[in-house]
Amino acid sequence: MPEKYEEIVERLAAIEEQLRDLAYDRLRDRARDPDSEAGQAANKDGKRLEQARRAVAKAMNALAPMSTDD
């Protein structure tokens, strides 16, 4: 993998980890009181954060080498 890609993948990995942590925080918020307004808002936020995390993970995979023939 070219060095410039490695650098981007490292930054994306850090972002993916931050998004995962935020999603877990929102999941905990929801678990405290799932039927409240705050719990429902936490659920929506958690879904958005998880969608963003998956998109970042997909970008990381797209930059990763497929094989040594590249």
PDB file of N, CA and C in Angstrom:
ATOM      1  N   MET A   1       0.855  -1.166   0.000  1.00  0.00           N
ATOM      2  CA  MET A   1       0.000   0.000   0.000  1.00  0.00           C
ATOM      3  C   MET A   1       0.904   1.232   0.000  1.00  0.00           C
ATOM      4  N   PRO A   2       0.629   2.161  -0.897  1.00  0.00           N
ATOM      5  CA  PRO A   2       1.439   3.377  -0.914  1.00  0.00           C
ATOM      6  C   PRO A   2       1.387   4.099   0.431  1.00  0.00           C
ATOM      7  N   GLU A   3       2.482   4.761   0.761  1.00  0.00           N
ATOM      8  CA  GLU A   3       2.591   5.427   2.057  1.00  0.00           C
ATOM      9  C   GLU A   3       1.468   6.440   2.280  1.00  0.00           C
ATOM     10  N   LYS A   4       1.102   7.185   1.219  1.00  0.00           N
ATOM     11  CA  LYS A   4       0.035   8.171   1.387  1.00  0.00           C
ATOM     12  C   LYS A   4      -1.287   7.506   1.748  1.00  0.00           C
ATOM     13  N   TYR A   5      -1.535   6.297   1.251  1.00  0.00           N
ATOM     14  CA  TYR A   5      -2.754   5.565   1.602  1.00  0.00           C
ATOM     15  C   TYR A   5      -2.687   5.079   3.043  1.00  0.00           C
ATOM     16  N   GLU A   6      -1.515   4.616   3.454  1.00  0.00           N
ATOM     17  CA  GLU A   6      -1.354   4.134   4.828  1.00  0.00           C
ATOM     18  C   GLU A   6      -1.691   5.234   5.828  1.00  0.00           C
ATOM     19  N   GLU A   7      -1.235   6.435   5.517  1.00  0.00           N
ATOM     20  CA  GLU A   7      -1.501   7.576   6.380  1.00  0.00           C
ATOM     21  C   GLU A   7      -3.001   7.845   6.485  1.00  0.00           C
ATOM     22  N   ILE A   8      -3.684   7.793   5.370  1.00  0.00           N
ATOM     23  CA  ILE A   8      -5.134   8.026   5.351  1.00  0.00           C
ATOM     24  C   ILE A   8      -5.849   6.918   6.115  1.00  0.00           C
ATOM     25  N   VAL A   9      -5.443   5.683   5.896  1.00  0.00           N
ATOM     26  CA  VAL A   9      -6.083   4.550   6.587  1.00  0.00           C
ATOM     27  C   VAL A   9      -5.896   4.681   8.096  1.00  0.00           C
ATOM     28  N   GLU A  10      -4.731   5.123   8.540  1.00  0.00           N
ATOM     29  CA  GLU A  10      -4.498   5.313   9.971  1.00  0.00           C
ATOM     30  C   GLU A  10      -5.435   6.374  10.547  1.00  0.00           C
ATOM     31  N   ARG A  11      -5.613   7.471   9.817  1.00  0.00           N
ATOM     32  CA  ARG A  11      -6.518   8.524  10.273  1.00  0.00           C
ATOM     33  C   ARG A  11      -7.964   8.033  10.276  1.00  0.00           C
ATOM     34  N   LEU A  12      -8.332   7.291   9.236  1.00  0.00           N
ATOM     35  CA  LEU A  12      -9.683   6.727   9.184  1.00  0.00           C
ATOM     36  C   LEU A  12      -9.917   5.751  10.336  1.00  0.00           C
ATOM     37  N   ALA A  13      -8.897   4.972  10.676  1.00  0.00           N
ATOM     38  CA  ALA A  13      -9.026   4.014  11.780  1.00  0.00           C
ATOM     39  C   ALA A  13      -9.289   4.752  13.093  1.00  0.00           C
ATOM     40  N   ALA A  14      -8.630   5.881  13.295  1.00  0.00           N
ATOM     41  CA  ALA A  14      -8.852   6.667  14.504  1.00  0.00           C
ATOM     42  C   ALA A  14     -10.275   7.230  14.517  1.00  0.00           C
ATOM     43  N   ILE A  15     -10.743   7.691  13.376  1.00  0.00           N
ATOM     44  CA  ILE A  15     -12.107   8.217  13.270  1.00  0.00           C
ATOM     45  C   ILE A  15     -13.121   7.107  13.515  1.00  0.00           C
ATOM     46  N   GLU A  16     -12.873   5.944  12.945  1.00  0.00           N
ATOM     47  CA  GLU A  16     -13.773   4.801  13.131  1.00  0.00           C
ATOM     48  C   GLU A  16     -13.865   4.441  14.614  1.00  0.00           C
ATOM     49  N   GLU A  17     -12.760   4.479  15.310  1.00  0.00           N
ATOM     50  CA  GLU A  17     -12.754   4.168  16.740  1.00  0.00           C
ATOM     51  C   GLU A  17     -13.549   5.216  17.526  1.00  0.00           C
ATOM     52  N   GLN A  18     -13.387   6.479  17.171  1.00  0.00           N
ATOM     53  CA  GLN A  18     -14.144   7.535  17.845  1.00  0.00           C
ATOM     54  C   GLN A  18     -15.650   7.368  17.618  1.00  0.00           C
ATOM     55  N   LEU A  19     -16.023   7.070  16.387  1.00  0.00           N
ATOM     56  CA  LEU A  19     -17.438   6.861  16.078  1.00  0.00           C
ATOM     57  C   LEU A  19     -17.994   5.672  16.843  1.00  0.00           C
ATOM     58  N   ARG A  20     -17.211   4.607  16.946  1.00  0.00           N
ATOM     59  CA  ARG A  20     -17.645   3.423  17.692  1.00  0.00           C
ATOM     60  C   ARG A  20     -17.868   3.767  19.163  1.00  0.00           C
ATOM     61  N   ASP A  21     -16.932   4.517  19.749  1.00  0.00           N
ATOM     62  CA  ASP A  21     -17.068   4.911  21.150  1.00  0.00           C
ATOM     63  C   ASP A  21     -18.312   5.779  21.369  1.00  0.00           C
ATOM     64  N   LEU A  22     -18.542   6.723  20.456  1.00  0.00           N
ATOM     65  CA  LEU A  22     -19.722   7.575  20.572  1.00  0.00           C
ATOM     66  C   LEU A  22     -21.014   6.755  20.443  1.00  0.00           C
ATOM     67  N   ALA A  23     -21.017   5.795  19.527  1.00  0.00           N
ATOM     68  CA  ALA A  23     -22.194   4.946  19.350  1.00  0.00           C
ATOM     69  C   ALA A  23     -22.464   4.126  20.614  1.00  0.00           C
ATOM     70  N   TYR A  24     -21.411   3.606  21.245  1.00  0.00           N
ATOM     71  CA  TYR A  24     -21.583   2.849  22.488  1.00  0.00           C
ATOM     72  C   TYR A  24     -22.123   3.753  23.598  1.00  0.00           C
ATOM     73  N   ASP A  25     -21.638   4.992  23.649  1.00  0.00           N
ATOM     74  CA  ASP A  25     -22.143   5.935  24.647  1.00  0.00           C
ATOM     75  C   ASP A  25     -23.636   6.155  24.462  1.00  0.00           C
ATOM     76  N   ARG A  26     -24.051   6.335  23.222  1.00  0.00           N
ATOM     77  CA  ARG A  26     -25.473   6.565  22.946  1.00  0.00           C
ATOM     78  C   ARG A  26     -26.286   5.310  23.255  1.00  0.00           C
ATOM     79  N   LEU A  27     -25.713   4.137  23.018  1.00  0.00           N
ATOM     80  CA  LEU A  27     -26.406   2.889  23.348  1.00  0.00           C
ATOM     81  C   LEU A  27     -26.625   2.791  24.864  1.00  0.00           C
ATOM     82  N   ARG A  28     -25.620   3.177  25.628  1.00  0.00           N
ATOM     83  CA  ARG A  28     -25.765   3.180  27.087  1.00  0.00           C
ATOM     84  C   ARG A  28     -26.843   4.184  27.518  1.00  0.00           C
ATOM     85  N   ASP A  29     -26.851   5.359  26.873  1.00  0.00           N
ATOM     86  CA  ASP A  29     -27.878   6.360  27.185  1.00  0.00           C
ATOM     87  C   ASP A  29     -29.265   5.808  26.917  1.00  0.00           C
ATOM     88  N   ARG A  30     -29.406   5.120  25.815  1.00  0.00           N
ATOM     89  CA  ARG A  30     -30.705   4.537  25.459  1.00  0.00           C
ATOM     90  C   ARG A  30     -31.105   3.465  26.458  1.00  0.00           C
ATOM     91  N   ALA A  31     -30.148   2.643  26.876  1.00  0.00           N
ATOM     92  CA  ALA A  31     -30.441   1.548  27.794  1.00  0.00           C
ATOM     93  C   ALA A  31     -30.926   2.063  29.152  1.00  0.00           C
ATOM     94  N   ARG A  32     -30.486   3.247  29.542  1.00  0.00           N
ATOM     95  CA  ARG A  32     -30.910   3.806  30.832  1.00  0.00           C
ATOM     96  C   ARG A  32     -32.416   4.055  30.879  1.00  0.00           C
ATOM     97  N   ASP A  33     -32.967   4.566  29.787  1.00  0.00           N
ATOM     98  CA  ASP A  33     -34.396   4.888  29.765  1.00  0.00           C
ATOM     99  C   ASP A  33     -34.877   4.886  28.311  1.00  0.00           C
ATOM    100  N   PRO A  34     -35.089   3.698  27.749  1.00  0.00           N
ATOM    101  CA  PRO A  34     -35.388   3.595  26.319  1.00  0.00           C
ATOM    102  C   PRO A  34     -36.696   4.249  25.880  1.00  0.00           C
ATOM    103  N   ASP A  35     -37.642   4.395  26.791  1.00  0.00           N
ATOM    104  CA  ASP A  35     -38.945   4.944  26.413  1.00  0.00           C
ATOM    105  C   ASP A  35     -39.026   6.462  26.529  1.00  0.00           C
ATOM    106  N   SER A  36     -38.014   7.064  27.132  1.00  0.00           N
ATOM    107  CA  SER A  36     -38.035   8.517  27.282  1.00  0.00           C
ATOM    108  C   SER A  36     -37.646   9.192  25.969  1.00  0.00           C
ATOM    109  N   GLU A  37     -37.864  10.504  25.919  1.00  0.00           N
ATOM    110  CA  GLU A  37     -37.459  11.272  24.740  1.00  0.00           C
ATOM    111  C   GLU A  37     -35.952  11.188  24.539  1.00  0.00           C
ATOM    112  N   ALA A  38     -35.227  11.285  25.641  1.00  0.00           N
ATOM    113  CA  ALA A  38     -33.763  11.214  25.567  1.00  0.00           C
ATOM    114  C   ALA A  38     -33.308   9.846  25.066  1.00  0.00           C
ATOM    115  N   GLY A  39     -33.980   8.808  25.513  1.00  0.00           N
ATOM    116  CA  GLY A  39     -33.645   7.459  25.067  1.00  0.00           C
ATOM    117  C   GLY A  39     -33.913   7.264  23.590  1.00  0.00           C
ATOM    118  N   GLN A  40     -35.021   7.807  23.118  1.00  0.00           N
ATOM    119  CA  GLN A  40     -35.355   7.703  21.699  1.00  0.00           C
ATOM    120  C   GLN A  40     -34.384   8.521  20.843  1.00  0.00           C
ATOM    121  N   ALA A  41     -33.997   9.696  21.343  1.00  0.00           N
ATOM    122  CA  ALA A  41     -33.019  10.520  20.620  1.00  0.00           C
ATOM    123  C   ALA A  41     -31.672   9.811  20.577  1.00  0.00           C
ATOM    124  N   ALA A  42     -31.306   9.172  21.682  1.00  0.00           N
ATOM    125  CA  ALA A  42     -30.045   8.432  21.733  1.00  0.00           C
ATOM    126  C   ALA A  42     -30.061   7.284  20.730  1.00  0.00           C
ATOM    127  N   ASN A  43     -31.212   6.638  20.578  1.00  0.00           N
ATOM    128  CA  ASN A  43     -31.338   5.552  19.625  1.00  0.00           C
ATOM    129  C   ASN A  43     -31.103   6.054  18.195  1.00  0.00           C
ATOM    130  N   LYS A  44     -31.730   7.181  17.850  1.00  0.00           N
ATOM    131  CA  LYS A  44     -31.542   7.755  16.511  1.00  0.00           C
ATOM    132  C   LYS A  44     -30.090   8.159  16.283  1.00  0.00           C
ATOM    133  N   ASP A  45     -29.494   8.813  17.283  1.00  0.00           N
ATOM    134  CA  ASP A  45     -28.092   9.215  17.161  1.00  0.00           C
ATOM    135  C   ASP A  45     -27.190   7.996  16.999  1.00  0.00           C
ATOM    136  N   GLY A  46     -27.468   6.962  17.782  1.00  0.00           N
ATOM    137  CA  GLY A  46     -26.667   5.747  17.710  1.00  0.00           C
ATOM    138  C   GLY A  46     -26.700   5.121  16.326  1.00  0.00           C
ATOM    139  N   LYS A  47     -27.883   5.109  15.730  1.00  0.00           N
ATOM    140  CA  LYS A  47     -28.010   4.548  14.376  1.00  0.00           C
ATOM    141  C   LYS A  47     -27.208   5.370  13.368  1.00  0.00           C
ATOM    142  N   ARG A  48     -27.277   6.685  13.486  1.00  0.00           N
ATOM    143  CA  ARG A  48     -26.524   7.554  12.569  1.00  0.00           C
ATOM    144  C   ARG A  48     -25.023   7.362  12.755  1.00  0.00           C
ATOM    145  N   LEU A  49     -24.590   7.263  14.009  1.00  0.00           N
ATOM    146  CA  LEU A  49     -23.164   7.067  14.283  1.00  0.00           C
ATOM    147  C   LEU A  49     -22.689   5.721  13.736  1.00  0.00           C
ATOM    148  N   GLU A  50     -23.496   4.700  13.900  1.00  0.00           N
ATOM    149  CA  GLU A  50     -23.123   3.374  13.397  1.00  0.00           C
ATOM    150  C   GLU A  50     -23.065   3.368  11.869  1.00  0.00           C
ATOM    151  N   GLN A  51     -23.984   4.078  11.230  1.00  0.00           N
ATOM    152  CA  GLN A  51     -23.955   4.179   9.770  1.00  0.00           C
ATOM    153  C   GLN A  51     -22.668   4.888   9.314  1.00  0.00           C
ATOM    154  N   ALA A  52     -22.311   5.945  10.006  1.00  0.00           N
ATOM    155  CA  ALA A  52     -21.082   6.670   9.671  1.00  0.00           C
ATOM    156  C   ALA A  52     -19.852   5.790   9.910  1.00  0.00           C
ATOM    157  N   ARG A  53     -19.866   5.032  11.009  1.00  0.00           N
ATOM    158  CA  ARG A  53     -18.734   4.144  11.309  1.00  0.00           C
ATOM    159  C   ARG A  53     -18.552   3.095  10.220  1.00  0.00           C
ATOM    160  N   ARG A  54     -19.675   2.531   9.763  1.00  0.00           N
ATOM    161  CA  ARG A  54     -19.588   1.530   8.687  1.00  0.00           C
ATOM    162  C   ARG A  54     -19.053   2.147   7.396  1.00  0.00           C
ATOM    163  N   ALA A  55     -19.439   3.382   7.104  1.00  0.00           N
ATOM    164  CA  ALA A  55     -18.948   4.058   5.904  1.00  0.00           C
ATOM    165  C   ALA A  55     -17.442   4.288   5.983  1.00  0.00           C
ATOM    166  N   VAL A  56     -16.960   4.654   7.154  1.00  0.00           N
ATOM    167  CA  VAL A  56     -15.523   4.863   7.332  1.00  0.00           C
ATOM    168  C   VAL A  56     -14.783   3.531   7.196  1.00  0.00           C
ATOM    169  N   ALA A  57     -15.335   2.473   7.778  1.00  0.00           N
ATOM    170  CA  ALA A  57     -14.720   1.147   7.660  1.00  0.00           C
ATOM    171  C   ALA A  57     -14.677   0.709   6.192  1.00  0.00           C
ATOM    172  N   LYS A  58     -15.724   1.017   5.453  1.00  0.00           N
ATOM    173  CA  LYS A  58     -15.763   0.681   4.030  1.00  0.00           C
ATOM    174  C   LYS A  58     -14.671   1.440   3.268  1.00  0.00           C
ATOM    175  N   ALA A  59     -14.467   2.703   3.610  1.00  0.00           N
ATOM    176  CA  ALA A  59     -13.411   3.491   2.978  1.00  0.00           C
ATOM    177  C   ALA A  59     -12.037   2.909   3.296  1.00  0.00           C
ATOM    178  N   MET A  60     -11.846   2.472   4.525  1.00  0.00           N
ATOM    179  CA  MET A  60     -10.573   1.845   4.901  1.00  0.00           C
ATOM    180  C   MET A  60     -10.324   0.594   4.070  1.00  0.00           C
ATOM    181  N   ASN A  61     -11.360  -0.232   3.910  1.00  0.00           N
ATOM    182  CA  ASN A  61     -11.225  -1.457   3.125  1.00  0.00           C
ATOM    183  C   ASN A  61     -10.952  -1.153   1.657  1.00  0.00           C
ATOM    184  N   ALA A  62     -11.538  -0.076   1.150  1.00  0.00           N
ATOM    185  CA  ALA A  62     -11.322   0.286  -0.259  1.00  0.00           C
ATOM    186  C   ALA A  62      -9.872   0.687  -0.511  1.00  0.00           C
ATOM    187  N   LEU A  63      -9.214   1.250   0.508  1.00  0.00           N
ATOM    188  CA  LEU A  63      -7.824   1.675   0.341  1.00  0.00           C
ATOM    189  C   LEU A  63      -6.824   0.571   0.648  1.00  0.00           C
ATOM    190  N   ALA A  64      -7.278  -0.481   1.309  1.00  0.00           N
ATOM    191  CA  ALA A  64      -6.392  -1.590   1.666  1.00  0.00           C
ATOM    192  C   ALA A  64      -6.049  -2.378   0.410  1.00  0.00           C
ATOM    193  N   PRO A  65      -4.844  -2.900   0.353  1.00  0.00           N
ATOM    194  CA  PRO A  65      -4.454  -3.683  -0.828  1.00  0.00           C
ATOM    195  C   PRO A  65      -5.264  -4.966  -0.935  1.00  0.00           C
ATOM    196  N   MET A  66      -5.691  -5.277  -2.152  1.00  0.00           N
ATOM    197  CA  MET A  66      -6.470  -6.497  -2.410  1.00  0.00           C
ATOM    198  C   MET A  66      -5.556  -7.720  -2.468  1.00  0.00           C
ATOM    199  N   SER A  67      -4.397  -7.542  -3.094  1.00  0.00           N
ATOM    200  CA  SER A  67      -3.440  -8.632  -3.221  1.00  0.00           C
ATOM    201  C   SER A  67      -2.060  -8.029  -3.433  1.00  0.00           C
ATOM    202  N   THR A  68      -1.063  -8.884  -3.455  1.00  0.00           N
ATOM    203  CA  THR A  68       0.306  -8.401  -3.681  1.00  0.00           C
ATOM    204  C   THR A  68       0.567  -8.107  -5.142  1.00  0.00           C
ATOM    205  N   ASP A  69      -0.391  -8.441  -6.048  1.00  0.00           N
ATOM    206  CA  ASP A  69      -0.228  -8.194  -7.474  1.00  0.00           C
ATOM    207  C   ASP A  69      -0.511  -6.747  -7.871  1.00  0.00           C
ATOM    208  N   ASP A  70      -1.089  -5.934  -6.953  1.00  0.00           N
ATOM    209  CA  ASP A  70      -1.467  -4.545  -7.285  1.00  0.00           C
ATOM    210  C   ASP A  70      -0.275  -3.684  -7.609  1.00  0.00           C
TER     211      ASP A  70
END
